Each structure stands twice: as C-alpha cells, then as structure tokens.
Amino acid sequence: MTFKDLALEAPILKALEKQGYTNPTPIQEQAIPILLNGQDLLGVAQTGTGKTAAFGIPILNHLSKDASAGKGKRKIKALSGYPYPRTCHTNRRKFHCLQ
C-alpha cells in the first residue's frame, strides 16, 4: 500500500512525497482510513513507528479540504496535546514538514 492508495488530498500527497515518504507504516496504514472517516481511534505502537503521522496526516487532510471548501468564520478544527514541551516541539516540526 502507498499513501496514494489512502485517497489523501493532493497537497498532502505532495508534501509526503517531498519528505520522501511513499509507503505508510503499519500503524499509519491502519489508522489513517479510520480517522479519514471521522471515527475515533486509540492507537498504540512503539516509539518511532509513525504514530504522529498516523494522526497528523488525517488532521492535515481535513484542514486541507476545509481550506478549499470556501470562506466563513474561522473555527478551531484540531487540538493536539502533548505531555512534555519537547514532545510538543518535535511534533510541531513534523506537522510543519507536511504542510
């Protein structure tokens, strides 16, 4: 399976490709379709397996769709919480790479 098979928005696919990502990890392959359908998910996997992207890619995909859908009052669309400042900083950089 590739990220293209997950029916992501073109800007997200382009950003993933630019970062050198073509194939999702197992946690990403399982989580992304569920989250794209708007369902809740609790994902557990070892460090370094791609959990941040598993949750971040669907968030960015939804934001990308909303941005192209039209105008209107801006609302909070996503909230991401982290237990430690270092984790927050690391994941912020990861999200930025996919925009």
N, C-alpha and C. Protein backbone atom coordinates (compact mmCIF):
# COMPACT_ATOMS: atom_id res chain seq x y z
N MET A 1 0.84 -1.17 0.00
CA MET A 1 0.00 0.00 0.00
C MET A 1 0.89 1.24 0.00
N THR A 2 0.42 2.28 -0.70
CA THR A 2 1.12 3.56 -0.71
C THR A 2 0.20 4.64 -0.13
N PHE A 3 0.77 5.81 0.12
CA PHE A 3 -0.07 6.91 0.61
C PHE A 3 -1.11 7.31 -0.43
N LYS A 4 -0.80 7.12 -1.72
CA LYS A 4 -1.77 7.45 -2.78
C LYS A 4 -3.02 6.58 -2.66
N ASP A 5 -2.85 5.36 -2.17
CA ASP A 5 -3.99 4.44 -2.02
C ASP A 5 -4.95 4.89 -0.92
N LEU A 6 -4.51 5.80 -0.06
CA LEU A 6 -5.33 6.25 1.06
C LEU A 6 -6.25 7.41 0.70
N ALA A 7 -6.26 7.82 -0.55
CA ALA A 7 -7.14 8.88 -1.05
C ALA A 7 -6.97 10.19 -0.29
N LEU A 8 -5.73 10.59 -0.10
CA LEU A 8 -5.42 11.86 0.56
C LEU A 8 -5.49 13.00 -0.43
N GLU A 9 -5.67 14.22 0.07
CA GLU A 9 -5.69 15.41 -0.77
C GLU A 9 -4.33 15.60 -1.44
N ALA A 10 -4.35 16.17 -2.64
CA ALA A 10 -3.13 16.37 -3.43
C ALA A 10 -2.03 17.12 -2.67
N PRO A 11 -2.33 18.22 -1.95
CA PRO A 11 -1.26 18.91 -1.23
C PRO A 11 -0.58 18.04 -0.17
N ILE A 12 -1.35 17.17 0.46
CA ILE A 12 -0.78 16.28 1.48
C ILE A 12 0.11 15.24 0.82
N LEU A 13 -0.35 14.67 -0.28
CA LEU A 13 0.47 13.70 -1.01
C LEU A 13 1.77 14.33 -1.49
N LYS A 14 1.67 15.55 -1.98
CA LYS A 14 2.86 16.27 -2.47
C LYS A 14 3.85 16.49 -1.32
N ALA A 15 3.35 16.90 -0.16
CA ALA A 15 4.22 17.13 0.99
C ALA A 15 4.88 15.83 1.46
N LEU A 16 4.11 14.75 1.49
CA LEU A 16 4.68 13.45 1.87
C LEU A 16 5.77 13.02 0.90
N GLU A 17 5.49 13.19 -0.38
CA GLU A 17 6.46 12.84 -1.42
C GLU A 17 7.74 13.69 -1.27
N LYS A 18 7.56 14.97 -1.00
CA LYS A 18 8.70 15.88 -0.83
C LYS A 18 9.58 15.44 0.34
N GLN A 19 8.96 14.89 1.38
CA GLN A 19 9.70 14.42 2.54
C GLN A 19 10.27 13.01 2.34
N GLY A 20 9.95 12.40 1.20
CA GLY A 20 10.49 11.08 0.89
C GLY A 20 9.65 9.91 1.38
N TYR A 21 8.41 10.19 1.76
CA TYR A 21 7.52 9.13 2.25
C TYR A 21 6.63 8.64 1.12
N THR A 22 6.64 7.34 0.88
CA THR A 22 5.76 6.76 -0.13
C THR A 22 4.85 5.69 0.44
N ASN A 23 5.35 4.92 1.40
CA ASN A 23 4.57 3.82 1.97
C ASN A 23 4.29 4.09 3.45
N PRO A 24 3.04 3.94 3.87
CA PRO A 24 2.73 4.11 5.28
C PRO A 24 3.25 2.95 6.12
N THR A 25 3.54 3.26 7.38
CA THR A 25 3.92 2.21 8.32
C THR A 25 2.65 1.45 8.72
N PRO A 26 2.77 0.31 9.39
CA PRO A 26 1.56 -0.43 9.77
C PRO A 26 0.56 0.39 10.59
N ILE A 27 1.01 1.18 11.56
CA ILE A 27 0.08 1.99 12.35
C ILE A 27 -0.61 3.04 11.46
N GLN A 28 0.13 3.60 10.52
CA GLN A 28 -0.44 4.59 9.60
C GLN A 28 -1.44 3.93 8.66
N GLU A 29 -1.10 2.79 8.14
CA GLU A 29 -1.98 2.07 7.21
C GLU A 29 -3.31 1.71 7.87
N GLN A 30 -3.27 1.38 9.15
CA GLN A 30 -4.49 1.01 9.85
C GLN A 30 -5.26 2.23 10.36
N ALA A 31 -4.55 3.24 10.83
CA ALA A 31 -5.20 4.39 11.48
C ALA A 31 -5.77 5.41 10.50
N ILE A 32 -5.04 5.72 9.46
CA ILE A 32 -5.43 6.81 8.57
C ILE A 32 -6.83 6.62 7.97
N PRO A 33 -7.18 5.44 7.43
CA PRO A 33 -8.54 5.30 6.88
C PRO A 33 -9.64 5.51 7.92
N ILE A 34 -9.41 5.04 9.14
CA ILE A 34 -10.40 5.19 10.21
C ILE A 34 -10.58 6.67 10.53
N LEU A 35 -9.48 7.38 10.67
CA LEU A 35 -9.54 8.80 11.02
C LEU A 35 -10.08 9.65 9.88
N LEU A 36 -9.80 9.27 8.64
CA LEU A 36 -10.35 10.00 7.49
C LEU A 36 -11.87 9.88 7.44
N ASN A 37 -12.39 8.79 7.99
CA ASN A 37 -13.85 8.60 8.04
C ASN A 37 -14.48 9.29 9.24
N GLY A 38 -13.67 10.00 10.03
CA GLY A 38 -14.19 10.76 11.15
C GLY A 38 -14.45 9.95 12.40
N GLN A 39 -13.93 8.73 12.44
CA GLN A 39 -14.12 7.89 13.62
C GLN A 39 -13.02 8.15 14.64
N ASP A 40 -13.31 7.85 15.90
CA ASP A 40 -12.33 7.97 16.96
C ASP A 40 -11.40 6.76 16.92
N LEU A 41 -10.19 6.98 17.42
CA LEU A 41 -9.21 5.89 17.39
C LEU A 41 -8.23 6.05 18.53
N LEU A 42 -7.91 4.97 19.18
CA LEU A 42 -6.83 4.92 20.16
C LEU A 42 -5.77 4.02 19.55
N GLY A 43 -4.62 4.61 19.23
CA GLY A 43 -3.54 3.85 18.59
C GLY A 43 -2.38 3.67 19.55
N VAL A 44 -1.87 2.44 19.61
CA VAL A 44 -0.73 2.13 20.46
C VAL A 44 0.33 1.46 19.60
N ALA A 45 1.53 2.03 19.64
CA ALA A 45 2.64 1.45 18.88
C ALA A 45 3.94 1.95 19.51
N GLN A 46 5.01 1.25 19.22
CA GLN A 46 6.31 1.61 19.76
C GLN A 46 6.77 2.97 19.24
N THR A 47 7.71 3.57 19.96
CA THR A 47 8.33 4.82 19.56
C THR A 47 9.00 4.63 18.19
N GLY A 48 8.82 5.62 17.32
CA GLY A 48 9.47 5.58 16.01
C GLY A 48 8.71 4.83 14.93
N THR A 49 7.46 4.48 15.20
CA THR A 49 6.68 3.72 14.21
C THR A 49 5.77 4.58 13.36
N GLY A 50 5.74 5.91 13.64
CA GLY A 50 4.93 6.79 12.81
C GLY A 50 3.59 7.18 13.38
N LYS A 51 3.44 7.12 14.69
CA LYS A 51 2.16 7.49 15.30
C LYS A 51 1.79 8.94 15.05
N THR A 52 2.77 9.83 15.13
CA THR A 52 2.48 11.25 14.91
C THR A 52 1.89 11.46 13.53
N ALA A 53 2.48 10.87 12.53
CA ALA A 53 1.95 10.99 11.16
C ALA A 53 0.61 10.26 11.02
N ALA A 54 0.44 9.16 11.73
CA ALA A 54 -0.82 8.41 11.66
C ALA A 54 -2.00 9.28 12.08
N PHE A 55 -1.77 10.16 13.04
CA PHE A 55 -2.83 11.06 13.49
C PHE A 55 -2.76 12.41 12.79
N GLY A 56 -1.56 12.86 12.48
CA GLY A 56 -1.37 14.18 11.87
C GLY A 56 -1.81 14.26 10.43
N ILE A 57 -1.56 13.23 9.66
CA ILE A 57 -1.93 13.25 8.23
C ILE A 57 -3.44 13.41 8.05
N PRO A 58 -4.28 12.65 8.75
CA PRO A 58 -5.73 12.88 8.60
C PRO A 58 -6.17 14.28 9.05
N ILE A 59 -5.54 14.81 10.11
CA ILE A 59 -5.88 16.16 10.55
C ILE A 59 -5.56 17.16 9.45
N LEU A 60 -4.36 17.08 8.90
CA LEU A 60 -3.96 18.00 7.83
C LEU A 60 -4.81 17.80 6.58
N ASN A 61 -5.20 16.57 6.32
CA ASN A 61 -6.06 16.28 5.16
C ASN A 61 -7.42 16.97 5.33
N HIS A 62 -8.00 16.86 6.52
CA HIS A 62 -9.28 17.53 6.78
C HIS A 62 -9.13 19.04 6.70
N LEU A 63 -8.04 19.58 7.24
CA LEU A 63 -7.81 21.02 7.16
C LEU A 63 -7.64 21.47 5.72
N SER A 64 -6.98 20.66 4.91
CA SER A 64 -6.79 20.99 3.50
C SER A 64 -8.13 21.03 2.77
N LYS A 65 -8.99 20.08 3.06
CA LYS A 65 -10.33 20.07 2.45
C LYS A 65 -11.13 21.29 2.87
N ASP A 66 -11.08 21.62 4.17
CA ASP A 66 -11.82 22.76 4.68
C ASP A 66 -11.34 24.06 4.06
N ALA A 67 -10.03 24.18 3.86
CA ALA A 67 -9.47 25.41 3.29
C ALA A 67 -9.95 25.63 1.87
N SER A 68 -10.15 24.53 1.14
CA SER A 68 -10.58 24.67 -0.24
C SER A 68 -12.11 24.69 -0.37
N ALA A 69 -12.82 24.45 0.72
CA ALA A 69 -14.28 24.36 0.66
C ALA A 69 -14.96 25.72 0.58
N GLY A 70 -14.31 26.74 1.06
CA GLY A 70 -14.95 28.04 0.98
C GLY A 70 -14.54 28.95 2.12
N LYS A 71 -15.28 30.05 2.19
CA LYS A 71 -14.98 31.06 3.20
C LYS A 71 -15.90 30.91 4.40
N GLY A 72 -15.67 31.74 5.37
CA GLY A 72 -16.52 31.72 6.55
C GLY A 72 -15.70 32.03 7.79
N LYS A 73 -16.38 32.02 8.89
CA LYS A 73 -15.73 32.29 10.16
C LYS A 73 -14.76 31.16 10.50
N ARG A 74 -13.56 31.55 10.92
CA ARG A 74 -12.55 30.55 11.27
C ARG A 74 -12.90 29.93 12.61
N LYS A 75 -12.76 28.62 12.70
CA LYS A 75 -13.04 27.89 13.93
C LYS A 75 -11.85 26.98 14.23
N ILE A 76 -11.73 26.58 15.47
CA ILE A 76 -10.72 25.60 15.82
C ILE A 76 -11.12 24.28 15.18
N LYS A 77 -10.22 23.70 14.42
CA LYS A 77 -10.51 22.46 13.70
C LYS A 77 -9.83 21.25 14.32
N ALA A 78 -8.73 21.50 15.04
CA ALA A 78 -7.99 20.38 15.63
C ALA A 78 -7.24 20.87 16.86
N LEU A 79 -7.09 19.98 17.82
CA LEU A 79 -6.32 20.27 19.01
C LEU A 79 -5.45 19.06 19.29
N SER A 80 -4.19 19.30 19.43
CA SER A 80 -3.25 18.21 19.68
C SER A 80 -2.53 18.49 20.99
N GLY A 81 -2.60 17.57 21.92
CA GLY A 81 -1.98 17.75 23.23
C GLY A 81 -0.81 16.82 23.43
N TYR A 82 0.18 17.29 24.16
CA TYR A 82 1.39 16.50 24.42
C TYR A 82 1.78 16.65 25.89
N PRO A 83 2.32 15.59 26.48
CA PRO A 83 2.65 15.63 27.91
C PRO A 83 3.91 16.43 28.25
N TYR A 84 4.79 16.63 27.29
CA TYR A 84 6.06 17.30 27.56
C TYR A 84 6.34 18.36 26.51
N PRO A 85 6.97 19.48 26.88
CA PRO A 85 7.31 20.52 25.90
C PRO A 85 8.18 20.01 24.76
N ARG A 86 9.12 19.14 25.06
CA ARG A 86 9.99 18.62 23.99
C ARG A 86 9.19 17.82 22.95
N THR A 87 8.26 17.02 23.43
CA THR A 87 7.41 16.26 22.52
C THR A 87 6.59 17.20 21.65
N CYS A 88 6.06 18.24 22.25
CA CYS A 88 5.29 19.24 21.52
C CYS A 88 6.13 19.88 20.42
N HIS A 89 7.34 20.29 20.76
CA HIS A 89 8.23 20.94 19.79
C HIS A 89 8.57 19.99 18.64
N THR A 90 8.89 18.75 18.96
CA THR A 90 9.24 17.76 17.93
C THR A 90 8.07 17.54 16.98
N ASN A 91 6.88 17.36 17.54
CA ASN A 91 5.71 17.09 16.70
C ASN A 91 5.29 18.32 15.91
N ARG A 92 5.50 19.50 16.44
CA ARG A 92 5.22 20.73 15.69
C ARG A 92 6.06 20.78 14.42
N ARG A 93 7.34 20.41 14.55
CA ARG A 93 8.22 20.40 13.37
C ARG A 93 7.77 19.35 12.36
N LYS A 94 7.32 18.21 12.84
CA LYS A 94 6.84 17.16 11.94
C LYS A 94 5.60 17.61 11.18
N PHE A 95 4.68 18.29 11.87
CA PHE A 95 3.47 18.78 11.21
C PHE A 95 3.83 19.83 10.16
N HIS A 96 4.77 20.70 10.49
CA HIS A 96 5.18 21.75 9.54
C HIS A 96 5.72 21.17 8.25
N CYS A 97 6.43 20.06 8.33
CA CYS A 97 7.01 19.43 7.14
C CYS A 97 5.93 18.90 6.20
N LEU A 98 4.75 18.65 6.73
CA LEU A 98 3.68 18.09 5.91
C LEU A 98 2.70 19.11 5.40
N GLN A 99 2.99 20.39 5.61
CA GLN A 99 2.08 21.43 5.12
C GLN A 99 2.45 21.88 3.74
